[in-house]
Amino acid sequence: MRLVWLAAISVLAVVMAVFTPYVLRTESTWQGAAWLVMLAATVTGLIALIRTELVLRRLERQPDSNVPGT
């Protein structure tokens, strides 16, 4: 399920990046600046989620070191 969320946010970031030139051409300076802030926040959040996913996968793969071997 976590990968579905990553994919959805990735699609959102790509769509925003595609529409950025149009927004900057047609909207006011403040609206363009707000768009760029939202785009930066989306990309930053996506990077954070990917990094979290990698850490969680690494933790799931590690053997439990607290269990004594018999």
Protein backbone atom coordinates (compact mmCIF):
# COMPACT_ATOMS: atom_id res chain seq x y z
CA MET A 1 0.00 0.00 0.00
CA ARG A 2 2.90 2.34 0.69
CA LEU A 3 4.05 2.06 -2.92
CA VAL A 4 0.60 3.13 -4.13
CA TRP A 5 0.92 6.37 -2.17
CA LEU A 6 4.42 6.96 -3.51
CA ALA A 7 3.18 6.42 -7.05
CA ALA A 8 0.25 8.80 -6.57
CA ILE A 9 2.42 11.56 -5.17
CA SER A 10 4.98 10.99 -7.93
CA VAL A 11 2.28 11.45 -10.55
CA LEU A 12 1.17 14.66 -8.82
CA ALA A 13 4.74 16.00 -8.83
CA VAL A 14 5.16 15.19 -12.53
CA VAL A 15 1.86 16.84 -13.45
CA MET A 16 2.79 19.93 -11.45
CA ALA A 17 6.20 20.09 -13.14
CA VAL A 18 4.59 19.81 -16.58
CA PHE A 19 2.16 22.64 -15.85
CA THR A 20 4.76 24.93 -14.23
CA PRO A 21 5.71 26.85 -17.41
CA TYR A 22 2.03 27.49 -18.18
CA VAL A 23 1.33 28.69 -14.64
CA LEU A 24 4.34 30.99 -14.60
CA ARG A 25 3.33 32.47 -17.97
CA THR A 26 -0.35 33.06 -17.24
CA GLU A 27 -0.64 33.75 -13.52
CA SER A 28 0.47 36.70 -11.43
CA THR A 29 3.83 36.80 -9.71
CA TRP A 30 2.37 35.86 -6.32
CA GLN A 31 0.42 32.95 -7.74
CA GLY A 32 3.50 31.75 -9.62
CA ALA A 33 5.57 31.97 -6.44
CA ALA A 34 2.92 30.04 -4.52
CA TRP A 35 2.91 27.39 -7.25
CA LEU A 36 6.69 27.02 -7.02
CA VAL A 37 6.48 26.70 -3.22
CA MET A 38 3.84 23.96 -3.58
CA LEU A 39 5.97 22.19 -6.19
CA ALA A 40 9.04 22.34 -3.95
CA ALA A 41 7.03 21.03 -0.98
CA THR A 42 5.64 18.17 -3.09
CA VAL A 43 9.08 17.15 -4.33
CA THR A 44 10.57 17.44 -0.82
CA GLY A 45 7.76 15.35 0.64
CA LEU A 46 8.21 12.76 -2.09
CA ILE A 47 11.93 12.51 -1.36
CA ALA A 48 11.22 12.13 2.36
CA LEU A 49 8.66 9.38 1.72
CA ILE A 50 11.02 7.48 -0.58
CA ARG A 51 13.79 7.70 1.99
CA THR A 52 11.42 6.49 4.72
CA GLU A 53 10.32 3.59 2.53
CA LEU A 54 13.94 2.55 1.99
CA VAL A 55 14.67 2.68 5.72
CA LEU A 56 11.55 0.64 6.54
CA ARG A 57 12.48 -2.00 3.98
CA ARG A 58 15.98 -2.22 5.40
CA LEU A 59 14.57 -2.66 8.92
CA GLU A 60 12.16 -5.37 7.76
CA ARG A 61 15.00 -7.35 6.17
CA GLN A 62 17.31 -7.31 9.20
CA PRO A 63 17.20 -10.47 11.30
CA ASP A 64 16.02 -10.07 14.86
CA SER A 65 19.21 -9.95 16.92
CA ASN A 66 17.36 -10.33 20.27
CA VAL A 67 16.30 -13.93 19.61
CA PRO A 68 18.87 -16.35 21.04
CA GLY A 69 20.12 -18.98 18.61
CA THR A 70 19.45 -22.56 19.71
